[in-house]
Amino acid sequence: MSTPTSLLRAFRPQVQERLYDFYEELRSADDLFWDRSLRAWVATGHAVVNKAVDDPGLSSVRYPDMEDVPEELQPLARVLSRQMLYNDAPDHSRLRGLISKAFTPRAVQSLRGRVVDAVDRIITHAAPTGRMDIVADLARPLPLTIICDLLDVPQQDRPALASWSEPIAEAIGNSRLDADRNREASQSMTDMLAYFRELLTRPDAPSAPHTLRALVSAQAENTDQDLDELLANCALLLIAGHETTTHFIGNATLALLRHPHAADQLRSRPDLMPAAVEELLRYDAPVQLMLRRARRDLDLEGRTIAEGQTVLLVGGAANRDPAVFPDPHVLDFERPGGRHMAFGHGPHFCLGAALARLEGAIVLEALLTRLPGLRLDGAAPQWQRSLNFRGLTRLDVAFTPPSDDHHSGTPAVLTASSPDGVGSATHAGACPARPGSGHVTDA
């Protein structure tokens, strides 16, 4: 068995374009190997990822020793350490229970009308132009609008939240940022938590009864829940709730444009949409890996994992494992069996999975049915630089404009100045409701 190269090669733009061929090279060499550059075990086979993700000997705690974290990153790390994603039972169950009621099937389905209306506005605005950037015009504003609705965030505050979210997501997905960018991520998280602290304690802004803010506020009043934990998990929902769905919409659209036969099949067989969403998630997942640390010495697929060592579970590679998914590089909406890892598995299964599926299905149906002749246009798609998140920075498309202006009176695409918009990110200082001097220095 040959020695695999480092997973770090995935940072290279030329490797991002052929990422799944690269994963296949790693898996063919060894589906679980010690990466000397990352000083971590890397798992790429479906069997080992599936086994490890629920192994009680592996912990989800990302920063077990805060003293080992660079000083400029510690403010961010302290907040992440309070989020359910980076906790084990029993803390994980307690934190997840705080907000899970906002993501029940009934609660998610109640959002369908909002999603449909938001997508309609975007498509209606873009249709007469004959072209759009799927990422900037659709994939970014839509999920942010919906998650901000859930958090009861006023319209005028949303651009600031978007601007804070980007450096935080970059730091979460890239462990090799320089000190200045780590510092920017930490400051952005501090600003975001200060905003949420003010929002959740604002006496003159009653929340809608079924928003997440109403649920967590009610629970916080009846328990000894720490407010900083509540704030940290609101930040998690904002970032995870729109970053990953943004990437899914962009990745899925690109996959359909590169596989026109699959797109035609979905146009003619709308009943395939639920299966298509799952297959598109498998094919190019927005989240590529999960991090675990060994609680103790343990055996994993015949390898001894020493206590404290990191194990990187590359779900994106597992999703293309031919042992589970025959012809894994083929986009097949009638693919039988097999469980993809796009949303994780077990206790840490993505809380917002149902919402991401709903948004993805509504967007893809609109793109396929309302934009005739949809095709790639302009520069080649560009991928963001991250090991964890798989997403496009831009995706230019063209299509045939309608022959009439039937929808010309419909409200415009989401913008910072429109009633339902978020627009492009602005400087955090543009947020009118941002606390003037509030900083969560020890979140």
Protein backbone atom coordinates (compact mmCIF):
# COMPACT_ATOMS: atom_id res chain seq x y z
CA MET A 1 0.00 0.00 0.00
CA SER A 2 1.49 3.33 -1.07
CA THR A 3 1.83 6.32 1.24
CA PRO A 4 -0.90 8.89 0.52
CA THR A 5 -0.07 12.52 0.02
CA SER A 6 -1.38 15.18 2.41
CA LEU A 7 -5.01 16.31 2.46
CA LEU A 8 -3.56 19.83 2.46
CA ARG A 9 -3.23 19.58 -1.31
CA ALA A 10 -6.98 20.19 -1.45
CA PHE A 11 -6.24 23.87 -0.78
CA ARG A 12 -4.78 24.24 -4.26
CA PRO A 13 -7.21 25.72 -6.83
CA GLN A 14 -6.30 23.11 -9.43
CA VAL A 15 -7.08 20.34 -6.92
CA GLN A 16 -10.40 21.93 -5.90
CA GLU A 17 -11.61 21.60 -9.48
CA ARG A 18 -10.82 17.86 -9.45
CA LEU A 19 -11.38 17.32 -5.75
CA TYR A 20 -13.11 13.95 -5.99
CA ASP A 21 -10.40 12.51 -8.23
CA PHE A 22 -7.95 13.61 -5.55
CA TYR A 23 -10.02 11.91 -2.85
CA GLU A 24 -10.02 8.75 -4.93
CA GLU A 25 -6.22 8.86 -5.07
CA LEU A 26 -6.08 9.17 -1.27
CA ARG A 27 -8.60 6.39 -0.68
CA SER A 28 -6.92 4.06 -3.19
CA ALA A 29 -3.63 4.48 -1.35
CA ASP A 30 -5.13 4.06 2.13
CA ASP A 31 -8.63 4.84 3.39
CA LEU A 32 -7.25 5.76 6.85
CA PHE A 33 -3.75 7.25 7.07
CA TRP A 34 -1.59 9.49 9.23
CA ASP A 35 -1.18 12.86 7.54
CA ARG A 36 2.21 14.14 8.69
CA SER A 37 1.59 17.68 7.44
CA LEU A 38 -1.71 18.02 9.30
CA ARG A 39 -0.60 15.82 12.22
CA ALA A 40 -3.93 14.07 12.04
CA TRP A 41 -5.49 10.82 10.88
CA VAL A 42 -7.45 11.21 7.63
CA ALA A 43 -10.34 8.85 6.89
CA THR A 44 -11.70 8.74 3.33
CA GLY A 45 -13.50 5.39 3.09
CA HIS A 46 -17.24 5.19 3.77
CA ALA A 47 -16.92 2.25 6.16
CA VAL A 48 -14.34 3.91 8.40
CA VAL A 49 -16.10 7.32 8.35
CA ASN A 50 -19.43 5.69 9.14
CA LYS A 51 -17.91 3.75 12.03
CA ALA A 52 -15.89 6.61 13.46
CA VAL A 53 -18.61 9.26 13.37
CA ASP A 54 -20.51 7.47 16.17
CA ASP A 55 -17.55 5.97 18.02
CA PRO A 56 -17.87 6.92 21.72
CA GLY A 57 -14.09 6.89 21.94
CA LEU A 58 -13.92 9.91 19.63
CA SER A 59 -14.86 13.36 20.88
CA SER A 60 -16.34 16.31 18.97
CA VAL A 61 -14.60 18.84 21.23
CA ARG A 62 -12.54 20.97 18.86
CA TYR A 63 -10.38 22.87 21.37
CA PRO A 64 -9.65 20.55 24.33
CA ASP A 65 -6.86 22.81 25.60
CA MET A 66 -7.39 26.53 25.09
CA GLU A 67 -3.74 27.23 25.93
CA ASP A 68 -2.74 25.52 22.68
CA VAL A 69 -4.90 27.89 20.61
CA PRO A 70 -3.17 30.97 19.12
CA GLU A 71 -3.93 33.99 21.29
CA GLU A 72 -5.64 35.93 18.51
CA LEU A 73 -7.99 32.97 17.87
CA GLN A 74 -8.91 32.29 21.51
CA PRO A 75 -11.97 34.59 21.62
CA LEU A 76 -13.47 32.69 18.70
CA ALA A 77 -12.42 29.31 20.13
CA ARG A 78 -14.14 30.06 23.46
CA VAL A 79 -17.41 30.71 21.66
CA LEU A 80 -17.11 27.60 19.48
CA SER A 81 -16.48 25.55 22.62
CA ARG A 82 -19.95 26.56 23.85
CA GLN A 83 -21.70 25.48 20.64
CA MET A 84 -23.50 22.15 20.44
CA LEU A 85 -21.51 21.17 17.35
CA TYR A 86 -18.29 21.04 19.39
CA ASN A 87 -19.65 19.33 22.50
CA ASP A 88 -20.25 15.75 23.54
CA ALA A 89 -23.06 14.27 25.62
CA PRO A 90 -24.53 15.27 27.99
CA ASP A 91 -23.78 18.92 27.13
CA HIS A 92 -24.49 18.35 23.45
CA SER A 93 -27.97 16.96 24.14
CA ARG A 94 -28.77 19.79 26.50
CA LEU A 95 -27.65 22.48 24.06
CA ARG A 96 -29.38 20.87 21.09
CA GLY A 97 -32.58 20.56 23.06
CA LEU A 98 -32.67 24.34 23.50
CA ILE A 99 -33.36 25.03 19.86
CA SER A 100 -34.51 21.77 18.29
CA LYS A 101 -38.19 22.78 18.47
CA ALA A 102 -37.56 25.43 15.85
CA PHE A 103 -36.59 22.72 13.35
CA THR A 104 -39.39 20.17 13.71
CA PRO A 105 -40.93 19.01 10.41
CA ARG A 106 -44.02 21.13 11.09
CA ALA A 107 -41.91 24.21 11.88
CA VAL A 108 -39.83 23.78 8.74
CA GLN A 109 -42.88 23.26 6.51
CA SER A 110 -44.34 26.48 7.89
CA LEU A 111 -41.43 28.28 6.22
CA ARG A 112 -42.26 26.97 2.74
CA GLY A 113 -44.29 30.03 1.79
CA ARG A 114 -41.49 32.39 2.81
CA VAL A 115 -38.95 30.44 0.78
CA VAL A 116 -41.21 30.28 -2.29
CA ASP A 117 -41.91 34.01 -2.13
CA ALA A 118 -38.25 34.92 -1.71
CA VAL A 119 -37.16 32.71 -4.62
CA ASP A 120 -39.94 34.12 -6.79
CA ARG A 121 -38.75 37.67 -6.19
CA ILE A 122 -35.18 36.78 -7.08
CA ILE A 123 -36.06 34.88 -10.25
CA THR A 124 -38.58 37.51 -11.36
CA HIS A 125 -35.99 40.26 -11.02
CA ALA A 126 -33.29 38.30 -12.85
CA ALA A 127 -35.42 36.85 -15.67
CA PRO A 128 -35.54 39.94 -17.94
CA THR A 129 -31.75 40.37 -17.77
CA GLY A 130 -30.91 36.94 -19.20
CA ARG A 131 -28.06 36.36 -16.77
CA MET A 132 -27.19 36.18 -13.08
CA ASP A 133 -24.51 35.15 -10.62
CA ILE A 134 -26.15 32.23 -8.83
CA VAL A 135 -23.99 32.72 -5.73
CA ALA A 136 -24.37 36.48 -5.20
CA ASP A 137 -27.91 36.89 -6.52
CA LEU A 138 -29.57 33.76 -5.14
CA ALA A 139 -27.52 31.32 -3.08
CA ARG A 140 -26.29 33.92 -0.58
CA PRO A 141 -29.32 36.14 0.07
CA LEU A 142 -31.96 33.41 0.23
CA PRO A 143 -30.67 31.25 3.13
CA LEU A 144 -29.61 34.31 5.11
CA THR A 145 -33.09 35.78 4.76
CA ILE A 146 -34.72 32.58 6.04
CA ILE A 147 -32.39 32.00 8.99
CA CYS A 148 -32.68 35.67 10.00
CA ASP A 149 -36.45 35.29 9.89
CA LEU A 150 -36.08 32.33 12.25
CA LEU A 151 -33.87 34.34 14.57
CA ASP A 152 -36.25 37.31 14.41
CA VAL A 153 -33.46 39.61 13.17
CA PRO A 154 -34.74 42.98 11.90
CA GLN A 155 -34.25 43.62 8.20
CA GLN A 156 -31.88 46.56 8.66
CA ASP A 157 -29.46 44.49 10.77
CA ARG A 158 -28.95 41.63 8.33
CA PRO A 159 -26.11 43.09 6.20
CA ALA A 160 -23.99 43.44 9.33
CA LEU A 161 -24.62 39.82 10.32
CA ALA A 162 -23.60 38.71 6.84
CA SER A 163 -20.35 40.67 7.08
CA TRP A 164 -19.51 39.15 10.48
CA SER A 165 -20.36 35.64 9.31
CA GLU A 166 -17.87 35.45 6.43
CA PRO A 167 -14.56 35.70 8.37
CA ILE A 168 -15.91 33.37 11.07
CA ALA A 169 -16.81 30.71 8.50
CA GLU A 170 -13.40 31.14 6.87
CA ALA A 171 -11.65 30.52 10.20
CA ILE A 172 -13.79 27.47 10.97
CA GLY A 173 -12.99 25.95 7.58
CA ASN A 174 -9.32 26.85 7.43
CA SER A 175 -6.90 26.13 10.27
CA ARG A 176 -3.99 27.87 8.52
CA LEU A 177 -5.04 31.49 8.46
CA ASP A 178 -2.55 34.18 9.39
CA ALA A 179 -2.80 36.06 12.68
CA ASP A 180 -4.61 39.07 11.19
CA ARG A 181 -7.38 36.96 9.68
CA ASN A 182 -7.74 34.95 12.88
CA ARG A 183 -8.02 38.24 14.75
CA GLU A 184 -10.68 39.45 12.31
CA ALA A 185 -12.65 36.24 12.83
CA SER A 186 -12.46 36.59 16.61
CA GLN A 187 -13.57 40.23 16.46
CA SER A 188 -16.43 39.34 14.13
CA MET A 189 -17.65 36.70 16.57
CA THR A 190 -17.37 39.17 19.45
CA ASP A 191 -19.45 41.69 17.50
CA MET A 192 -22.01 39.08 16.51
CA LEU A 193 -22.50 37.91 20.09
CA ALA A 194 -22.78 41.47 21.34
CA TYR A 195 -25.53 42.00 18.77
CA PHE A 196 -27.39 38.81 19.76
CA ARG A 197 -27.09 39.71 23.44
CA GLU A 198 -28.76 43.06 22.73
CA LEU A 199 -31.39 41.45 20.48
CA LEU A 200 -32.40 38.72 22.93
CA THR A 201 -32.67 41.13 25.82
CA ARG A 202 -34.36 43.97 23.91
CA PRO A 203 -37.57 44.73 25.87
CA ASP A 204 -39.32 46.77 23.20
CA ALA A 205 -39.10 44.25 20.34
CA PRO A 206 -41.46 41.31 20.98
CA SER A 207 -40.68 38.33 18.78
CA ALA A 208 -43.11 36.46 16.61
CA PRO A 209 -44.45 33.43 18.51
CA HIS A 210 -42.87 30.73 16.35
CA THR A 211 -39.41 32.18 15.83
CA LEU A 212 -36.32 30.67 17.34
CA ARG A 213 -35.81 33.78 19.42
CA ALA A 214 -39.20 33.26 21.09
CA LEU A 215 -38.42 29.61 21.81
CA VAL A 216 -34.97 30.09 23.27
CA SER A 217 -36.04 33.12 25.26
CA ALA A 218 -38.91 31.16 26.81
CA GLN A 219 -36.65 28.24 27.64
CA ALA A 220 -33.96 30.49 29.07
CA GLU A 221 -36.50 31.99 31.47
CA ASN A 222 -37.45 28.56 32.84
CA THR A 223 -34.01 26.98 33.16
CA ASP A 224 -30.60 27.82 34.48
CA GLN A 225 -29.33 28.04 30.90
CA ASP A 226 -26.22 30.19 30.62
CA LEU A 227 -26.87 33.20 28.38
CA ASP A 228 -23.44 32.94 26.76
CA GLU A 229 -24.28 29.39 25.64
CA LEU A 230 -27.53 30.63 24.18
CA LEU A 231 -25.75 33.40 22.30
CA ALA A 232 -23.05 31.04 21.02
CA ASN A 233 -25.63 28.67 19.57
CA CYS A 234 -27.57 31.50 17.95
CA ALA A 235 -24.30 32.40 16.22
CA LEU A 236 -23.86 28.78 15.16
CA LEU A 237 -27.34 28.68 13.64
CA LEU A 238 -26.78 31.89 11.73
CA ILE A 239 -23.47 30.76 10.27
CA ALA A 240 -24.33 27.11 9.66
CA GLY A 241 -27.87 27.97 8.61
CA HIS A 242 -26.87 30.05 5.64
CA GLU A 243 -23.24 29.23 4.75
CA THR A 244 -23.88 25.54 4.10
CA THR A 245 -27.16 26.06 2.23
CA THR A 246 -25.50 28.74 0.12
CA HIS A 247 -22.84 26.24 -0.88
CA PHE A 248 -25.38 23.49 -1.54
CA ILE A 249 -27.41 25.68 -3.90
CA GLY A 250 -24.30 26.72 -5.83
CA ASN A 251 -22.84 23.21 -5.99
CA ALA A 252 -26.14 21.62 -7.02
CA THR A 253 -26.75 24.20 -9.74
CA LEU A 254 -23.26 23.65 -11.17
CA ALA A 255 -23.75 19.87 -11.12
CA LEU A 256 -27.01 20.17 -13.08
CA LEU A 257 -25.45 22.55 -15.60
CA ARG A 258 -22.60 20.13 -16.16
CA HIS A 259 -25.03 17.21 -16.50
CA PRO A 260 -27.77 18.51 -18.83
CA HIS A 261 -29.34 15.05 -19.20
CA ALA A 262 -29.88 14.92 -15.45
CA ALA A 263 -31.38 18.42 -15.52
CA ASP A 264 -33.72 17.42 -18.36
CA GLN A 265 -34.76 14.33 -16.41
CA LEU A 266 -35.62 16.44 -13.38
CA ARG A 267 -37.65 18.87 -15.51
CA SER A 268 -39.71 16.03 -16.93
CA ARG A 269 -39.91 14.07 -13.66
CA PRO A 270 -40.55 16.55 -10.83
CA ASP A 271 -41.44 13.59 -8.61
CA LEU A 272 -37.70 12.86 -8.55
CA MET A 273 -36.90 16.10 -6.73
CA PRO A 274 -36.55 14.60 -3.20
CA ALA A 275 -34.21 11.90 -4.52
CA ALA A 276 -32.38 14.47 -6.65
CA VAL A 277 -31.69 16.65 -3.60
CA GLU A 278 -30.17 13.67 -1.76
CA GLU A 279 -28.08 12.67 -4.77
CA LEU A 280 -26.83 16.23 -5.29
CA LEU A 281 -25.87 16.39 -1.61
CA ARG A 282 -23.93 13.16 -2.01
CA TYR A 283 -22.36 14.26 -5.26
CA ASP A 284 -20.90 17.55 -4.01
CA ALA A 285 -21.58 18.15 -0.32
CA PRO A 286 -21.27 21.66 1.15
CA VAL A 287 -19.48 20.31 4.23
CA GLN A 288 -16.58 18.01 3.43
CA LEU A 289 -15.23 16.80 6.76
CA MET A 290 -15.91 16.28 10.45
CA LEU A 291 -13.27 16.59 13.15
CA ARG A 292 -12.96 14.18 16.07
CA ARG A 293 -10.35 13.68 18.82
CA ALA A 294 -9.49 10.43 20.57
CA ARG A 295 -10.61 10.40 24.21
CA ARG A 296 -8.28 7.46 24.84
CA ASP A 297 -6.12 5.03 22.90
CA LEU A 298 -8.42 3.12 20.57
CA ASP A 299 -8.45 0.84 17.56
CA LEU A 300 -10.01 2.08 14.32
CA GLU A 301 -9.96 -0.23 11.34
CA GLY A 302 -6.79 -1.90 12.62
CA ARG A 303 -4.93 1.34 13.37
CA THR A 304 -4.08 2.49 16.85
CA ILE A 305 -5.31 6.03 17.42
CA ALA A 306 -3.50 7.54 20.38
CA GLU A 307 -5.30 9.55 23.03
CA GLY A 308 -5.57 13.20 21.97
CA GLN A 309 -4.89 12.58 18.29
CA THR A 310 -7.15 14.23 15.71
CA VAL A 311 -9.17 12.22 13.21
CA LEU A 312 -10.51 14.03 10.14
CA LEU A 313 -13.53 12.23 8.72
CA VAL A 314 -13.76 13.26 5.07
CA GLY A 315 -17.44 12.78 4.37
CA GLY A 316 -17.03 14.22 0.88
CA ALA A 317 -14.68 11.34 0.03
CA ALA A 318 -16.93 8.78 1.72
CA ASN A 319 -19.78 9.98 -0.49
CA ARG A 320 -17.81 8.92 -3.57
CA ASP A 321 -16.69 5.53 -2.22
CA PRO A 322 -17.48 2.95 -4.96
CA ALA A 323 -17.85 0.25 -2.30
CA VAL A 324 -21.13 1.91 -1.29
CA PHE A 325 -22.01 4.02 -4.33
CA PRO A 326 -21.34 2.18 -7.63
CA ASP A 327 -20.19 4.55 -10.37
CA PRO A 328 -19.85 7.28 -7.72
CA HIS A 329 -18.91 10.03 -10.18
CA VAL A 330 -22.21 9.58 -12.04
CA LEU A 331 -25.13 11.80 -11.08
CA ASP A 332 -27.98 9.29 -10.73
CA PHE A 333 -31.33 10.43 -9.32
CA GLU A 334 -32.55 6.84 -9.16
CA ARG A 335 -29.53 5.55 -7.29
CA PRO A 336 -30.51 2.74 -4.89
CA GLY A 337 -29.45 2.45 -1.24
CA GLY A 338 -26.41 4.03 0.35
CA ARG A 339 -26.39 6.76 3.00
CA HIS A 340 -24.50 9.92 2.21
CA MET A 341 -22.60 11.86 4.87
CA ALA A 342 -23.50 15.39 3.79
CA PHE A 343 -25.41 16.02 7.04
CA GLY A 344 -23.28 13.86 9.30
CA HIS A 345 -24.82 11.03 11.26
CA GLY A 346 -25.94 10.11 14.75
CA PRO A 347 -26.29 12.64 17.58
CA HIS A 348 -24.60 15.36 15.53
CA PHE A 349 -26.83 14.91 12.49
CA CYS A 350 -27.42 18.38 11.05
CA LEU A 351 -30.28 20.07 12.91
CA GLY A 352 -31.15 22.18 9.87
CA ALA A 353 -31.13 19.34 7.32
CA ALA A 354 -34.87 19.53 6.62
CA LEU A 355 -34.68 23.29 6.04
CA ALA A 356 -31.68 22.93 3.69
CA ARG A 357 -33.55 20.26 1.71
CA LEU A 358 -36.63 22.46 1.48
CA GLU A 359 -34.71 25.50 0.26
CA GLY A 360 -32.68 23.43 -2.19
CA ALA A 361 -35.74 21.78 -3.74
CA ILE A 362 -37.61 25.07 -4.18
CA VAL A 363 -34.58 26.79 -5.73
CA LEU A 364 -33.78 23.97 -8.16
CA GLU A 365 -37.39 23.68 -9.32
CA ALA A 366 -37.48 27.43 -10.01
CA LEU A 367 -34.18 27.44 -11.90
CA LEU A 368 -35.16 24.50 -14.07
CA THR A 369 -38.69 25.63 -14.89
CA ARG A 370 -38.48 29.42 -15.02
CA LEU A 371 -35.14 30.09 -16.72
CA PRO A 372 -35.20 28.45 -20.17
CA GLY A 373 -31.86 27.74 -21.78
CA LEU A 374 -30.05 27.94 -18.44
CA ARG A 375 -26.32 27.51 -19.05
CA LEU A 376 -22.89 28.43 -17.75
CA ASP A 377 -21.67 31.84 -18.82
CA GLY A 378 -18.56 33.94 -18.33
CA ALA A 379 -15.55 32.89 -16.29
CA ALA A 380 -15.03 29.36 -15.06
CA PRO A 381 -16.58 28.63 -11.66
CA GLN A 382 -14.22 29.39 -8.78
CA TRP A 383 -14.07 27.46 -5.50
CA GLN A 384 -13.37 29.00 -2.12
CA ARG A 385 -10.19 27.90 -0.34
CA SER A 386 -11.24 25.58 2.48
CA LEU A 387 -10.79 22.00 3.60
CA ASN A 388 -14.11 21.94 5.43
CA PHE A 389 -16.56 23.95 3.33
CA ARG A 390 -17.04 23.18 -0.35
CA GLY A 391 -18.52 26.18 -2.08
CA LEU A 392 -18.29 28.48 -5.06
CA THR A 393 -17.34 32.14 -4.85
CA ARG A 394 -19.11 32.92 -8.14
CA LEU A 395 -21.26 31.06 -10.66
CA ASP A 396 -22.28 33.06 -13.72
CA VAL A 397 -25.17 31.73 -15.79
CA ALA A 398 -27.16 32.89 -18.79
CA PHE A 399 -30.65 32.01 -19.97
CA THR A 400 -33.33 33.14 -22.41
CA PRO A 401 -35.22 36.23 -21.16
CA PRO A 402 -39.01 36.10 -21.29
CA SER A 403 -40.71 37.64 -24.32
CA ASP A 404 -43.03 39.79 -22.18
CA ASP A 405 -42.86 41.74 -18.94
CA HIS A 406 -45.58 39.80 -17.18
CA HIS A 407 -43.70 39.88 -13.88
CA SER A 408 -42.23 43.35 -14.21
CA GLY A 409 -44.29 44.66 -11.33
CA THR A 410 -43.08 42.04 -8.87
CA PRO A 411 -40.78 43.29 -6.09
CA ALA A 412 -37.10 43.37 -6.93
CA VAL A 413 -34.37 40.96 -5.93
CA LEU A 414 -33.34 40.94 -2.30
CA THR A 415 -31.22 43.97 -1.51
CA ALA A 416 -30.20 45.71 1.65
CA SER A 417 -32.80 48.39 1.01
CA SER A 418 -35.71 46.15 0.06
CA PRO A 419 -38.15 44.93 2.74
CA ASP A 420 -37.06 41.30 2.54
CA GLY A 421 -33.48 41.67 1.49
CA VAL A 422 -30.01 41.23 2.84
CA GLY A 423 -28.08 42.44 -0.18
CA SER A 424 -24.32 42.35 -0.24
CA ALA A 425 -22.40 42.39 3.01
CA THR A 426 -21.58 45.81 4.40
CA HIS A 427 -19.23 46.91 7.11
CA ALA A 428 -20.39 45.89 10.56
CA GLY A 429 -20.65 49.50 11.59
CA ALA A 430 -23.56 49.94 9.18
CA CYS A 431 -25.84 48.00 11.51
CA PRO A 432 -28.12 50.55 13.22
CA ALA A 433 -28.96 48.18 16.06
CA ARG A 434 -25.40 47.14 16.78
CA PRO A 435 -24.50 47.91 20.42
CA GLY A 436 -22.14 50.85 20.43
CA SER A 437 -19.55 49.45 22.80
CA GLY A 438 -20.81 46.02 23.73
CA HIS A 439 -18.20 43.28 23.41
CA VAL A 440 -18.39 39.75 24.70
CA THR A 441 -14.80 39.44 25.79
CA ASP A 442 -15.15 36.11 27.54
CA ALA A 443 -17.77 34.31 25.50
